[in-house]
Amino acid sequence: MTTYTMEQVQHAINRGADLVLENLGLGEPEEDAINLVVNAAIASLEDPTVDIERVAQEKYQVPFSEIYSWWSWN
């Protein structure tokens, strides 16, 4: 079994998101959603007990309710 560093995992997650975003031509709402998934995945690696509110606060410096309202996701 191969072992990866946190830095390698973070790079792979970001690179995977970039590949999708570069090749699908998604709109800004979809790009924001993918970036939110990336941030939530990385935060979950760092702390498996993290919740979406903390991801929003730590990665975006806003409450999740603001992110949720960006693209009429609610």
PDB file of N, CA and C in Angstrom:
ATOM      1  N   MET A   1       0.848  -1.176   0.000  1.00  0.00           N
ATOM      2  CA  MET A   1       0.000   0.000   0.000  1.00  0.00           C
ATOM      3  C   MET A   1       0.896   1.243   0.000  1.00  0.00           C
ATOM      4  N   THR A   2       0.561   2.203  -0.837  1.00  0.00           N
ATOM      5  CA  THR A   2       1.313   3.440  -0.930  1.00  0.00           C
ATOM      6  C   THR A   2       0.835   4.424   0.124  1.00  0.00           C
ATOM      7  N   THR A   3       1.776   5.125   0.710  1.00  0.00           N
ATOM      8  CA  THR A   3       1.460   6.164   1.681  1.00  0.00           C
ATOM      9  C   THR A   3       1.748   7.520   1.058  1.00  0.00           C
ATOM     10  N   TYR A   4       0.833   8.453   1.248  1.00  0.00           N
ATOM     11  CA  TYR A   4       0.971   9.801   0.698  1.00  0.00           C
ATOM     12  C   TYR A   4       1.010  10.821   1.826  1.00  0.00           C
ATOM     13  N   THR A   5       1.731  11.892   1.591  1.00  0.00           N
ATOM     14  CA  THR A   5       1.749  12.985   2.561  1.00  0.00           C
ATOM     15  C   THR A   5       0.475  13.805   2.410  1.00  0.00           C
ATOM     16  N   MET A   6       0.188  14.591   3.422  1.00  0.00           N
ATOM     17  CA  MET A   6      -0.970  15.489   3.358  1.00  0.00           C
ATOM     18  C   MET A   6      -0.828  16.433   2.169  1.00  0.00           C
ATOM     19  N   GLU A   7       0.368  16.926   1.941  1.00  0.00           N
ATOM     20  CA  GLU A   7       0.603  17.833   0.818  1.00  0.00           C
ATOM     21  C   GLU A   7       0.311  17.151  -0.523  1.00  0.00           C
ATOM     22  N   GLN A   8       0.702  15.896  -0.672  1.00  0.00           N
ATOM     23  CA  GLN A   8       0.440  15.163  -1.911  1.00  0.00           C
ATOM     24  C   GLN A   8      -1.062  14.948  -2.110  1.00  0.00           C
ATOM     25  N   VAL A   9      -1.768  14.628  -1.045  1.00  0.00           N
ATOM     26  CA  VAL A   9      -3.215  14.415  -1.135  1.00  0.00           C
ATOM     27  C   VAL A   9      -3.914  15.722  -1.497  1.00  0.00           C
ATOM     28  N   GLN A  10      -3.533  16.801  -0.844  1.00  0.00           N
ATOM     29  CA  GLN A  10      -4.135  18.104  -1.153  1.00  0.00           C
ATOM     30  C   GLN A  10      -3.865  18.480  -2.608  1.00  0.00           C
ATOM     31  N   HIS A  11      -2.658  18.252  -3.073  1.00  0.00           N
ATOM     32  CA  HIS A  11      -2.321  18.560  -4.455  1.00  0.00           C
ATOM     33  C   HIS A  11      -3.173  17.723  -5.411  1.00  0.00           C
ATOM     34  N   ALA A  12      -3.327  16.440  -5.118  1.00  0.00           N
ATOM     35  CA  ALA A  12      -4.118  15.564  -5.979  1.00  0.00           C
ATOM     36  C   ALA A  12      -5.583  15.988  -6.026  1.00  0.00           C
ATOM     37  N   ILE A  13      -6.144  16.350  -4.886  1.00  0.00           N
ATOM     38  CA  ILE A  13      -7.539  16.802  -4.843  1.00  0.00           C
ATOM     39  C   ILE A  13      -7.707  18.075  -5.668  1.00  0.00           C
ATOM     40  N   ASN A  14      -6.808  19.029  -5.475  1.00  0.00           N
ATOM     41  CA  ASN A  14      -6.884  20.281  -6.242  1.00  0.00           C
ATOM     42  C   ASN A  14      -6.650  20.049  -7.727  1.00  0.00           C
ATOM     43  N   ARG A  15      -5.709  19.182  -8.068  1.00  0.00           N
ATOM     44  CA  ARG A  15      -5.425  18.895  -9.475  1.00  0.00           C
ATOM     45  C   ARG A  15      -6.626  18.209 -10.122  1.00  0.00           C
ATOM     46  N   GLY A  16      -7.246  17.291  -9.413  1.00  0.00           N
ATOM     47  CA  GLY A  16      -8.443  16.633  -9.941  1.00  0.00           C
ATOM     48  C   GLY A  16      -9.555  17.630 -10.217  1.00  0.00           C
ATOM     49  N   ALA A  17      -9.762  18.544  -9.296  1.00  0.00           N
ATOM     50  CA  ALA A  17     -10.782  19.582  -9.499  1.00  0.00           C
ATOM     51  C   ALA A  17     -10.422  20.451 -10.693  1.00  0.00           C
ATOM     52  N   ASP A  18      -9.155  20.823 -10.801  1.00  0.00           N
ATOM     53  CA  ASP A  18      -8.722  21.648 -11.937  1.00  0.00           C
ATOM     54  C   ASP A  18      -8.958  20.943 -13.261  1.00  0.00           C
ATOM     55  N   LEU A  19      -8.671  19.643 -13.321  1.00  0.00           N
ATOM     56  CA  LEU A  19      -8.895  18.887 -14.556  1.00  0.00           C
ATOM     57  C   LEU A  19     -10.365  18.918 -14.962  1.00  0.00           C
ATOM     58  N   VAL A  20     -11.233  18.726 -13.993  1.00  0.00           N
ATOM     59  CA  VAL A  20     -12.668  18.765 -14.273  1.00  0.00           C
ATOM     60  C   VAL A  20     -13.080  20.161 -14.744  1.00  0.00           C
ATOM     61  N   LEU A  21     -12.650  21.170 -14.004  1.00  0.00           N
ATOM     62  CA  LEU A  21     -13.045  22.539 -14.332  1.00  0.00           C
ATOM     63  C   LEU A  21     -12.497  22.985 -15.683  1.00  0.00           C
ATOM     64  N   GLU A  22     -11.285  22.584 -16.019  1.00  0.00           N
ATOM     65  CA  GLU A  22     -10.676  22.974 -17.291  1.00  0.00           C
ATOM     66  C   GLU A  22     -11.334  22.313 -18.482  1.00  0.00           C
ATOM     67  N   ASN A  23     -11.927  21.157 -18.279  1.00  0.00           N
ATOM     68  CA  ASN A  23     -12.404  20.374 -19.419  1.00  0.00           C
ATOM     69  C   ASN A  23     -13.915  20.272 -19.564  1.00  0.00           C
ATOM     70  N   LEU A  24     -14.655  20.762 -18.612  1.00  0.00           N
ATOM     71  CA  LEU A  24     -16.113  20.693 -18.721  1.00  0.00           C
ATOM     72  C   LEU A  24     -16.761  22.019 -19.059  1.00  0.00           C
ATOM     73  N   GLY A  25     -16.050  23.104 -18.888  1.00  0.00           N
ATOM     74  CA  GLY A  25     -16.633  24.406 -19.199  1.00  0.00           C
ATOM     75  C   GLY A  25     -17.879  24.700 -18.378  1.00  0.00           C
ATOM     76  N   LEU A  26     -17.808  24.402 -17.117  1.00  0.00           N
ATOM     77  CA  LEU A  26     -18.946  24.631 -16.234  1.00  0.00           C
ATOM     78  C   LEU A  26     -19.115  26.113 -15.951  1.00  0.00           C
ATOM     79  N   GLY A  27     -20.263  26.466 -15.462  1.00  0.00           N
ATOM     80  CA  GLY A  27     -20.524  27.836 -15.067  1.00  0.00           C
ATOM     81  C   GLY A  27     -19.983  28.120 -13.674  1.00  0.00           C
ATOM     82  N   GLU A  28     -20.048  29.375 -13.296  1.00  0.00           N
ATOM     83  CA  GLU A  28     -19.506  29.789 -12.007  1.00  0.00           C
ATOM     84  C   GLU A  28     -20.164  29.087 -10.816  1.00  0.00           C
ATOM     85  N   PRO A  29     -21.477  28.865 -10.815  1.00  0.00           N
ATOM     86  CA  PRO A  29     -22.069  28.170  -9.662  1.00  0.00           C
ATOM     87  C   PRO A  29     -21.507  26.755  -9.490  1.00  0.00           C
ATOM     88  N   GLU A  30     -21.346  26.045 -10.600  1.00  0.00           N
ATOM     89  CA  GLU A  30     -20.814  24.687 -10.529  1.00  0.00           C
ATOM     90  C   GLU A  30     -19.339  24.696 -10.102  1.00  0.00           C
ATOM     91  N   GLU A  31     -18.595  25.669 -10.605  1.00  0.00           N
ATOM     92  CA  GLU A  31     -17.193  25.798 -10.199  1.00  0.00           C
ATOM     93  C   GLU A  31     -17.102  26.084  -8.701  1.00  0.00           C
ATOM     94  N   ASP A  32     -17.954  26.963  -8.203  1.00  0.00           N
ATOM     95  CA  ASP A  32     -17.964  27.258  -6.765  1.00  0.00           C
ATOM     96  C   ASP A  32     -18.296  26.011  -5.953  1.00  0.00           C
ATOM     97  N   ALA A  33     -19.237  25.212  -6.434  1.00  0.00           N
ATOM     98  CA  ALA A  33     -19.619  23.989  -5.722  1.00  0.00           C
ATOM     99  C   ALA A  33     -18.453  23.001  -5.694  1.00  0.00           C
ATOM    100  N   ILE A  34     -17.752  22.844  -6.811  1.00  0.00           N
ATOM    101  CA  ILE A  34     -16.597  21.948  -6.842  1.00  0.00           C
ATOM    102  C   ILE A  34     -15.514  22.452  -5.894  1.00  0.00           C
ATOM    103  N   ASN A  35     -15.268  23.742  -5.886  1.00  0.00           N
ATOM    104  CA  ASN A  35     -14.265  24.297  -4.974  1.00  0.00           C
ATOM    105  C   ASN A  35     -14.669  24.114  -3.513  1.00  0.00           C
ATOM    106  N   LEU A  36     -15.949  24.195  -3.239  1.00  0.00           N
ATOM    107  CA  LEU A  36     -16.428  23.949  -1.876  1.00  0.00           C
ATOM    108  C   LEU A  36     -16.174  22.490  -1.489  1.00  0.00           C
ATOM    109  N   VAL A  37     -16.394  21.573  -2.408  1.00  0.00           N
ATOM    110  CA  VAL A  37     -16.114  20.155  -2.142  1.00  0.00           C
ATOM    111  C   VAL A  37     -14.628  19.955  -1.858  1.00  0.00           C
ATOM    112  N   VAL A  38     -13.771  20.580  -2.660  1.00  0.00           N
ATOM    113  CA  VAL A  38     -12.323  20.479  -2.447  1.00  0.00           C
ATOM    114  C   VAL A  38     -11.964  20.978  -1.057  1.00  0.00           C
ATOM    115  N   ASN A  39     -12.457  22.140  -0.701  1.00  0.00           N
ATOM    116  CA  ASN A  39     -12.157  22.697   0.622  1.00  0.00           C
ATOM    117  C   ASN A  39     -12.695  21.822   1.743  1.00  0.00           C
ATOM    118  N   ALA A  40     -13.879  21.266   1.570  1.00  0.00           N
ATOM    119  CA  ALA A  40     -14.458  20.396   2.591  1.00  0.00           C
ATOM    120  C   ALA A  40     -13.668  19.090   2.704  1.00  0.00           C
ATOM    121  N   ALA A  41     -13.209  18.554   1.573  1.00  0.00           N
ATOM    122  CA  ALA A  41     -12.421  17.316   1.608  1.00  0.00           C
ATOM    123  C   ALA A  41     -11.096  17.534   2.330  1.00  0.00           C
ATOM    124  N   ILE A  42     -10.428  18.618   2.005  1.00  0.00           N
ATOM    125  CA  ILE A  42      -9.146  18.910   2.653  1.00  0.00           C
ATOM    126  C   ILE A  42      -9.347  19.166   4.145  1.00  0.00           C
ATOM    127  N   ALA A  43     -10.381  19.915   4.489  1.00  0.00           N
ATOM    128  CA  ALA A  43     -10.665  20.160   5.903  1.00  0.00           C
ATOM    129  C   ALA A  43     -10.985  18.852   6.631  1.00  0.00           C
ATOM    130  N   SER A  44     -11.663  17.927   5.954  1.00  0.00           N
ATOM    131  CA  SER A  44     -11.994  16.626   6.552  1.00  0.00           C
ATOM    132  C   SER A  44     -10.756  15.771   6.770  1.00  0.00           C
ATOM    133  N   LEU A  45      -9.784  15.900   5.876  1.00  0.00           N
ATOM    134  CA  LEU A  45      -8.516  15.199   6.092  1.00  0.00           C
ATOM    135  C   LEU A  45      -7.808  15.729   7.326  1.00  0.00           C
ATOM    136  N   GLU A  46      -7.859  17.036   7.490  1.00  0.00           N
ATOM    137  CA  GLU A  46      -7.197  17.676   8.628  1.00  0.00           C
ATOM    138  C   GLU A  46      -7.922  17.395   9.935  1.00  0.00           C
ATOM    139  N   ASP A  47      -9.257  17.318   9.880  1.00  0.00           N
ATOM    140  CA  ASP A  47     -10.062  17.066  11.071  1.00  0.00           C
ATOM    141  C   ASP A  47     -11.343  16.344  10.656  1.00  0.00           C
ATOM    142  N   PRO A  48     -11.418  15.045  10.877  1.00  0.00           N
ATOM    143  CA  PRO A  48     -12.591  14.274  10.456  1.00  0.00           C
ATOM    144  C   PRO A  48     -13.908  14.713  11.094  1.00  0.00           C
ATOM    145  N   THR A  49     -13.849  15.520  12.137  1.00  0.00           N
ATOM    146  CA  THR A  49     -15.077  15.966  12.794  1.00  0.00           C
ATOM    147  C   THR A  49     -15.555  17.329  12.288  1.00  0.00           C
ATOM    148  N   VAL A  50     -14.875  17.892  11.295  1.00  0.00           N
ATOM    149  CA  VAL A  50     -15.234  19.220  10.787  1.00  0.00           C
ATOM    150  C   VAL A  50     -16.664  19.217  10.248  1.00  0.00           C
ATOM    151  N   ASP A  51     -17.345  20.335  10.371  1.00  0.00           N
ATOM    152  CA  ASP A  51     -18.668  20.473   9.772  1.00  0.00           C
ATOM    153  C   ASP A  51     -18.617  21.588   8.727  1.00  0.00           C
ATOM    154  N   ILE A  52     -19.671  21.704   7.943  1.00  0.00           N
ATOM    155  CA  ILE A  52     -19.686  22.646   6.826  1.00  0.00           C
ATOM    156  C   ILE A  52     -19.598  24.096   7.300  1.00  0.00           C
ATOM    157  N   GLU A  53     -20.136  24.377   8.465  1.00  0.00           N
ATOM    158  CA  GLU A  53     -20.055  25.739   8.999  1.00  0.00           C
ATOM    159  C   GLU A  53     -18.604  26.129   9.265  1.00  0.00           C
ATOM    160  N   ARG A  54     -17.840  25.216   9.829  1.00  0.00           N
ATOM    161  CA  ARG A  54     -16.434  25.503  10.095  1.00  0.00           C
ATOM    162  C   ARG A  54     -15.636  25.608   8.798  1.00  0.00           C
ATOM    163  N   VAL A  55     -15.956  24.777   7.808  1.00  0.00           N
ATOM    164  CA  VAL A  55     -15.303  24.887   6.501  1.00  0.00           C
ATOM    165  C   VAL A  55     -15.543  26.284   5.939  1.00  0.00           C
ATOM    166  N   ALA A  56     -16.779  26.746   5.995  1.00  0.00           N
ATOM    167  CA  ALA A  56     -17.115  28.075   5.465  1.00  0.00           C
ATOM    168  C   ALA A  56     -16.347  29.163   6.207  1.00  0.00           C
ATOM    169  N   GLN A  57     -16.316  29.068   7.515  1.00  0.00           N
ATOM    170  CA  GLN A  57     -15.625  30.087   8.317  1.00  0.00           C
ATOM    171  C   GLN A  57     -14.122  30.082   8.060  1.00  0.00           C
ATOM    172  N   GLU A  58     -13.510  28.893   8.036  1.00  0.00           N
ATOM    173  CA  GLU A  58     -12.058  28.805   7.910  1.00  0.00           C
ATOM    174  C   GLU A  58     -11.569  29.041   6.487  1.00  0.00           C
ATOM    175  N   LYS A  59     -12.313  28.589   5.494  1.00  0.00           N
ATOM    176  CA  LYS A  59     -11.841  28.680   4.111  1.00  0.00           C
ATOM    177  C   LYS A  59     -12.369  29.911   3.373  1.00  0.00           C
ATOM    178  N   TYR A  60     -13.532  30.427   3.784  1.00  0.00           N
ATOM    179  CA  TYR A  60     -14.152  31.553   3.081  1.00  0.00           C
ATOM    180  C   TYR A  60     -14.372  32.777   3.968  1.00  0.00           C
ATOM    181  N   GLN A  61     -14.213  32.620   5.261  1.00  0.00           N
ATOM    182  CA  GLN A  61     -14.416  33.684   6.245  1.00  0.00           C
ATOM    183  C   GLN A  61     -15.840  34.256   6.203  1.00  0.00           C
ATOM    184  N   VAL A  62     -16.805  33.402   5.908  1.00  0.00           N
ATOM    185  CA  VAL A  62     -18.223  33.783   5.937  1.00  0.00           C
ATOM    186  C   VAL A  62     -19.011  32.615   6.518  1.00  0.00           C
ATOM    187  N   PRO A  63     -20.212  32.878   7.014  1.00  0.00           N
ATOM    188  CA  PRO A  63     -21.051  31.765   7.460  1.00  0.00           C
ATOM    189  C   PRO A  63     -21.526  30.948   6.253  1.00  0.00           C
ATOM    190  N   PHE A  64     -21.809  29.670   6.483  1.00  0.00           N
ATOM    191  CA  PHE A  64     -22.259  28.819   5.390  1.00  0.00           C
ATOM    192  C   PHE A  64     -23.532  29.352   4.748  1.00  0.00           C
ATOM    193  N   SER A  65     -24.384  29.985   5.528  1.00  0.00           N
ATOM    194  CA  SER A  65     -25.629  30.517   4.965  1.00  0.00           C
ATOM    195  C   SER A  65     -25.351  31.508   3.833  1.00  0.00           C
ATOM    196  N   GLU A  66     -24.241  32.242   3.914  1.00  0.00           N
ATOM    197  CA  GLU A  66     -23.897  33.162   2.828  1.00  0.00           C
ATOM    198  C   GLU A  66     -23.486  32.396   1.578  1.00  0.00           C
ATOM    199  N   ILE A  67     -22.657  31.374   1.748  1.00  0.00           N
ATOM    200  CA  ILE A  67     -22.266  30.551   0.597  1.00  0.00           C
ATOM    201  C   ILE A  67     -23.508  29.921  -0.027  1.00  0.00           C
ATOM    202  N   TYR A  68     -24.375  29.428   0.820  1.00  0.00           N
ATOM    203  CA  TYR A  68     -25.602  28.754   0.371  1.00  0.00           C
ATOM    204  C   TYR A  68     -26.473  29.686  -0.466  1.00  0.00           C
ATOM    205  N   SER A  69     -26.376  30.971  -0.235  1.00  0.00           N
ATOM    206  CA  SER A  69     -27.228  31.927  -0.951  1.00  0.00           C
ATOM    207  C   SER A  69     -26.589  32.463  -2.236  1.00  0.00           C
ATOM    208  N   TRP A  70     -25.308  32.159  -2.492  1.00  0.00           N
ATOM    209  CA  TRP A  70     -24.610  32.739  -3.629  1.00  0.00           C
ATOM    210  C   TRP A  70     -25.321  32.531  -4.956  1.00  0.00           C
ATOM    211  N   TRP A  71     -25.792  31.346  -5.212  1.00  0.00           N
ATOM    212  CA  TRP A  71     -26.338  31.014  -6.529  1.00  0.00           C
ATOM    213  C   TRP A  71     -27.763  30.472  -6.426  1.00  0.00           C
ATOM    214  N   SER A  72     -28.488  30.940  -5.450  1.00  0.00           N
ATOM    215  CA  SER A  72     -29.858  30.465  -5.238  1.00  0.00           C
ATOM    216  C   SER A  72     -29.862  28.944  -5.044  1.00  0.00           C
ATOM    217  N   TRP A  73     -28.823  28.448  -4.351  1.00  0.00           N
ATOM    218  CA  TRP A  73     -28.767  27.014  -4.070  1.00  0.00           C
ATOM    219  C   TRP A  73     -29.850  26.622  -3.077  1.00  0.00           C
ATOM    220  N   ASN A  74     -30.385  27.602  -2.368  1.00  0.00           N
ATOM    221  CA  ASN A  74     -31.400  27.290  -1.360  1.00  0.00           C
ATOM    222  C   ASN A  74     -32.762  27.177  -1.973  1.00  0.00           C
TER     223      ASN A  74
END
